[in-house]
C-alpha atoms as a PDB file:
ATOM      1  CA  MET A   1       0.000   0.000   0.000  1.00  0.00           C
ATOM      2  CA  GLU A   2       3.074   2.252   0.315  1.00  0.00           C
ATOM      3  CA  LEU A   3       3.015   3.083  -3.418  1.00  0.00           C
ATOM      4  CA  ALA A   4      -0.646   4.022  -3.119  1.00  0.00           C
ATOM      5  CA  PHE A   5       0.191   6.478  -0.309  1.00  0.00           C
ATOM      6  CA  GLU A   6       2.885   8.082  -2.466  1.00  0.00           C
ATOM      7  CA  ARG A   7       0.501   8.320  -5.452  1.00  0.00           C
ATOM      8  CA  LEU A   8      -2.196   9.974  -3.301  1.00  0.00           C
ATOM      9  CA  ASN A   9       0.300  12.572  -2.046  1.00  0.00           C
ATOM     10  CA  ALA A  10       1.528  13.267  -5.583  1.00  0.00           C
ATOM     11  CA  GLU A  11      -2.044  13.737  -6.852  1.00  0.00           C
ATOM     12  CA  ALA A  12      -2.814  16.114  -3.983  1.00  0.00           C
ATOM     13  CA  ARG A  13       0.266  18.248  -4.733  1.00  0.00           C
ATOM     14  CA  ARG A  14      -0.666  18.324  -8.439  1.00  0.00           C
ATOM     15  CA  ASP A  15      -4.193  19.456  -7.535  1.00  0.00           C
ATOM     16  CA  GLY A  16      -2.941  22.343  -5.396  1.00  0.00           C
ATOM     17  CA  VAL A  17      -3.877  20.811  -2.055  1.00  0.00           C
ATOM     18  CA  GLN A  18      -2.163  22.763   0.720  1.00  0.00           C
ATOM     19  CA  GLN A  19      -2.989  20.498   3.656  1.00  0.00           C
ATOM     20  CA  ALA A  20      -3.287  16.700   3.682  1.00  0.00           C
ATOM     21  CA  VAL A  21      -5.606  15.209   6.300  1.00  0.00           C
ATOM     22  CA  VAL A  22      -6.245  11.543   7.130  1.00  0.00           C
ATOM     23  CA  GLY A  23      -9.473   9.986   8.387  1.00  0.00           C
ATOM     24  CA  ALA A  24     -10.198   6.529   9.781  1.00  0.00           C
ATOM     25  CA  VAL A  25     -13.291   4.364   9.632  1.00  0.00           C
ATOM     26  CA  VAL A  26     -12.889   2.397  12.864  1.00  0.00           C
ATOM     27  CA  GLN A  27     -15.359  -0.502  12.890  1.00  0.00           C
ATOM     28  CA  HIS A  28     -16.333  -2.785  15.730  1.00  0.00           C
ATOM     29  CA  ASP A  29     -19.230  -5.205  15.996  1.00  0.00           C
ATOM     30  CA  GLY A  30     -21.014  -3.760  12.946  1.00  0.00           C
ATOM     31  CA  LYS A  31     -20.714  -0.143  14.115  1.00  0.00           C
ATOM     32  CA  VAL A  32     -18.376   2.734  13.278  1.00  0.00           C
ATOM     33  CA  LEU A  33     -16.767   5.193  15.654  1.00  0.00           C
ATOM     34  CA  LEU A  34     -17.808   8.832  15.257  1.00  0.00           C
ATOM     35  CA  LEU A  35     -16.418  11.753  17.269  1.00  0.00           C
ATOM     36  CA  GLN A  36     -18.282  14.979  18.054  1.00  0.00           C
ATOM     37  CA  ARG A  37     -16.425  18.256  17.505  1.00  0.00           C
ATOM     38  CA  PRO A  38     -16.453  20.778  20.363  1.00  0.00           C
ATOM     39  CA  GLU A  39     -19.169  23.441  19.908  1.00  0.00           C
ATOM     40  CA  ALA A  40     -16.673  26.326  19.983  1.00  0.00           C
ATOM     41  CA  GLU A  41     -14.531  24.935  17.137  1.00  0.00           C
ATOM     42  CA  PHE A  42     -14.773  25.101  13.349  1.00  0.00           C
ATOM     43  CA  MET A  43     -17.872  23.066  12.352  1.00  0.00           C
ATOM     44  CA  GLY A  44     -18.620  22.653  16.052  1.00  0.00           C
ATOM     45  CA  GLY A  45     -21.100  19.999  17.139  1.00  0.00           C
ATOM     46  CA  ILE A  46     -20.908  17.793  14.044  1.00  0.00           C
ATOM     47  CA  PHE A  47     -19.817  14.183  14.211  1.00  0.00           C
ATOM     48  CA  GLU A  48     -16.802  13.134  12.168  1.00  0.00           C
ATOM     49  CA  LEU A  49     -14.385  10.305  11.641  1.00  0.00           C
ATOM     50  CA  PRO A  50     -11.234  10.239  13.762  1.00  0.00           C
ATOM     51  CA  SER A  51      -9.051  12.457  11.597  1.00  0.00           C
ATOM     52  CA  GLY A  52      -6.304  15.031  11.562  1.00  0.00           C
ATOM     53  CA  LYS A  53      -3.584  16.845   9.675  1.00  0.00           C
ATOM     54  CA  VAL A  54      -0.557  15.154   8.184  1.00  0.00           C
ATOM     55  CA  GLU A  55       2.553  16.841   9.601  1.00  0.00           C
ATOM     56  CA  ALA A  56       5.441  17.979   7.380  1.00  0.00           C
ATOM     57  CA  GLY A  57       7.546  14.986   6.354  1.00  0.00           C
ATOM     58  CA  GLU A  58       5.033  12.487   7.756  1.00  0.00           C
ATOM     59  CA  THR A  59       3.620   9.649   5.646  1.00  0.00           C
ATOM     60  CA  LEU A  60      -0.138   9.139   5.350  1.00  0.00           C
ATOM     61  CA  ASP A  61      -0.031   5.825   7.204  1.00  0.00           C
ATOM     62  CA  ALA A  62       2.089   7.227  10.038  1.00  0.00           C
ATOM     63  CA  ALA A  63      -0.276  10.209  10.352  1.00  0.00           C
ATOM     64  CA  LEU A  64      -3.295   7.894  10.432  1.00  0.00           C
ATOM     65  CA  ILE A  65      -1.808   5.781  13.236  1.00  0.00           C
ATOM     66  CA  ARG A  66      -0.806   8.913  15.199  1.00  0.00           C
ATOM     67  CA  GLU A  67      -4.119  10.741  14.772  1.00  0.00           C
ATOM     68  CA  VAL A  68      -6.292   7.764  15.777  1.00  0.00           C
ATOM     69  CA  LYS A  69      -4.107   7.282  18.872  1.00  0.00           C
ATOM     70  CA  GLU A  70      -4.192  11.009  19.765  1.00  0.00           C
ATOM     71  CA  GLU A  71      -7.944  11.427  19.285  1.00  0.00           C
ATOM     72  CA  THR A  72      -9.229   8.119  20.678  1.00  0.00           C
ATOM     73  CA  GLY A  73      -6.431   6.368  22.574  1.00  0.00           C
ATOM     74  CA  LEU A  74      -6.919   3.366  20.240  1.00  0.00           C
ATOM     75  CA  ASP A  75      -4.062   1.572  18.489  1.00  0.00           C
ATOM     76  CA  ILE A  76      -4.411   0.684  14.799  1.00  0.00           C
ATOM     77  CA  ALA A  77      -3.648  -2.980  14.133  1.00  0.00           C
ATOM     78  CA  SER A  78      -3.956  -2.722  10.340  1.00  0.00           C
ATOM     79  CA  ILE A  79      -4.960  -0.363   7.546  1.00  0.00           C
ATOM     80  CA  ARG A  80      -7.352  -2.325   5.346  1.00  0.00           C
ATOM     81  CA  ASP A  81      -8.696  -0.202   2.502  1.00  0.00           C
ATOM     82  CA  TYR A  82      -8.499   3.229   0.941  1.00  0.00           C
ATOM     83  CA  LEU A  83     -12.032   4.656   0.922  1.00  0.00           C
ATOM     84  CA  GLY A  84     -11.512   7.774  -1.169  1.00  0.00           C
ATOM     85  CA  SER A  85     -10.993  11.424  -0.370  1.00  0.00           C
ATOM     86  CA  PHE A  86     -12.826  14.709  -0.250  1.00  0.00           C
ATOM     87  CA  ASP A  87     -11.660  18.295  -0.519  1.00  0.00           C
ATOM     88  CA  TYR A  88     -12.658  21.212   1.674  1.00  0.00           C
ATOM     89  CA  THR A  89     -11.462  24.626   2.817  1.00  0.00           C
ATOM     90  CA  SER A  90     -10.097  24.525   6.369  1.00  0.00           C
ATOM     91  CA  ASP A  91     -10.873  27.084   9.055  1.00  0.00           C
ATOM     92  CA  SER A  92      -7.550  28.756   8.153  1.00  0.00           C
ATOM     93  CA  GLY A  93      -8.585  28.987   4.481  1.00  0.00           C
ATOM     94  CA  ARG A  94      -6.261  26.250   3.212  1.00  0.00           C
ATOM     95  CA  ASN A  95      -7.233  23.881   0.398  1.00  0.00           C
ATOM     96  CA  SER A  96      -7.379  20.570   2.261  1.00  0.00           C
ATOM     97  CA  ARG A  97      -7.892  16.980   1.180  1.00  0.00           C
ATOM     98  CA  GLN A  98      -8.947  14.257   3.604  1.00  0.00           C
ATOM     99  CA  PHE A  99      -7.779  10.754   2.658  1.00  0.00           C
ATOM    100  CA  ASN A 100      -9.948   8.096   4.324  1.00  0.00           C
ATOM    101  CA  PHE A 101      -9.060   4.525   5.250  1.00  0.00           C
ATOM    102  CA  ALA A 102     -10.775   1.538   6.842  1.00  0.00           C
ATOM    103  CA  VAL A 103      -8.734   0.400   9.844  1.00  0.00           C
ATOM    104  CA  ASP A 104      -8.776  -2.344  12.427  1.00  0.00           C
ATOM    105  CA  VAL A 105      -7.844  -1.524  16.015  1.00  0.00           C
ATOM    106  CA  ASN A 106      -6.292  -3.828  18.575  1.00  0.00           C
ATOM    107  CA  THR A 107      -9.163  -3.275  20.998  1.00  0.00           C
ATOM    108  CA  PRO A 108     -12.163  -0.911  20.621  1.00  0.00           C
ATOM    109  CA  GLU A 109     -12.346   0.171  24.262  1.00  0.00           C
ATOM    110  CA  PRO A 110     -11.733   2.293  26.121  1.00  0.00           C
ATOM    111  CA  VAL A 111     -12.117   5.296  23.834  1.00  0.00           C
ATOM    112  CA  GLU A 112     -10.187   8.138  25.479  1.00  0.00           C
ATOM    113  CA  LEU A 113     -11.154  11.485  23.972  1.00  0.00           C
ATOM    114  CA  GLN A 114      -8.538  14.240  23.825  1.00  0.00           C
ATOM    115  CA  GLU A 115      -9.982  16.735  21.328  1.00  0.00           C
ATOM    116  CA  HIS A 116     -13.705  15.951  21.087  1.00  0.00           C
ATOM    117  CA  ASP A 117     -16.754  16.364  23.334  1.00  0.00           C
ATOM    118  CA  ALA A 118     -18.330  12.953  22.778  1.00  0.00           C
ATOM    119  CA  TYR A 119     -18.183   9.748  20.765  1.00  0.00           C
ATOM    120  CA  THR A 120     -20.652   7.157  19.564  1.00  0.00           C
ATOM    121  CA  TRP A 121     -20.507   3.726  17.984  1.00  0.00           C
ATOM    122  CA  THR A 122     -23.130   4.032  15.242  1.00  0.00           C
ATOM    123  CA  SER A 123     -24.704   1.373  13.065  1.00  0.00           C
ATOM    124  CA  LEU A 124     -24.282   2.016   9.354  1.00  0.00           C
ATOM    125  CA  THR A 125     -27.984   1.295   8.906  1.00  0.00           C
ATOM    126  CA  GLU A 126     -28.911   4.372  10.977  1.00  0.00           C
ATOM    127  CA  GLU A 127     -29.211   7.923   9.662  1.00  0.00           C
ATOM    128  CA  LEU A 128     -25.743   9.223  10.396  1.00  0.00           C
ATOM    129  CA  PRO A 129     -25.199  12.684  11.946  1.00  0.00           C
ATOM    130  CA  VAL A 130     -22.304  13.518   9.607  1.00  0.00           C
ATOM    131  CA  THR A 131     -21.556  15.688   6.577  1.00  0.00           C
ATOM    132  CA  ASP A 132     -22.422  14.487   3.083  1.00  0.00           C
ATOM    133  CA  ALA A 133     -18.707  13.950   2.390  1.00  0.00           C
ATOM    134  CA  VAL A 134     -18.404  11.558   5.350  1.00  0.00           C
ATOM    135  CA  LYS A 135     -21.659   9.835   4.318  1.00  0.00           C
ATOM    136  CA  ASP A 136     -20.010   9.123   0.944  1.00  0.00           C
ATOM    137  CA  VAL A 137     -16.949   7.619   2.662  1.00  0.00           C
ATOM    138  CA  LEU A 138     -19.153   5.400   4.830  1.00  0.00           C
ATOM    139  CA  SER A 139     -21.159   4.364   1.781  1.00  0.00           C
ATOM    140  CA  LYS A 140     -17.922   3.225   0.107  1.00  0.00           C
ATOM    141  CA  TYR A 141     -17.048   1.328   3.310  1.00  0.00           C
ATOM    142  CA  ARG A 142     -20.454  -0.437   3.207  1.00  0.00           C
ATOM    143  CA  GLU A 143     -19.877  -1.421  -0.447  1.00  0.00           C
ATOM    144  CA  LEU A 144     -16.519  -2.990   0.353  1.00  0.00           C
ATOM    145  CA  HIS A 145     -17.442  -4.653   3.616  1.00  0.00           C
ATOM    146  CA  GLY A 146     -21.108  -5.474   3.205  1.00  0.00           C
ATOM    147  CA  ALA A 147     -21.897  -3.657   6.434  1.00  0.00           C
END
């Protein structure tokens, strides 16, 4: 998958993306983990995937492992699938692209929040309280995993 990570970064640079972001679909027992953004922050109150910025010189996979650990306390056991990306303008006005991956974690509990107000394990059959872009990522996950 290393070549795929390099290709994704190259495409983002070509497209003028200024900030790479990674997102994780963490699944357990037929449900996915969603985190709620603090009310006072950019897009406050919405639920999102565990996600965060790729630091300078950091690979996508290393950023994914770091961000999931920082935001949830969970350790990624494996990165299974690339689920696509979406572009958006960050709160600082930067052209950003979020690359999304299906991951397995060593153990799904306890979730230890550092940057969010709440979390939920949500069934993919429910109406999800997320943006349309995240709905598209979860739809791709359902296609691949029959969830």
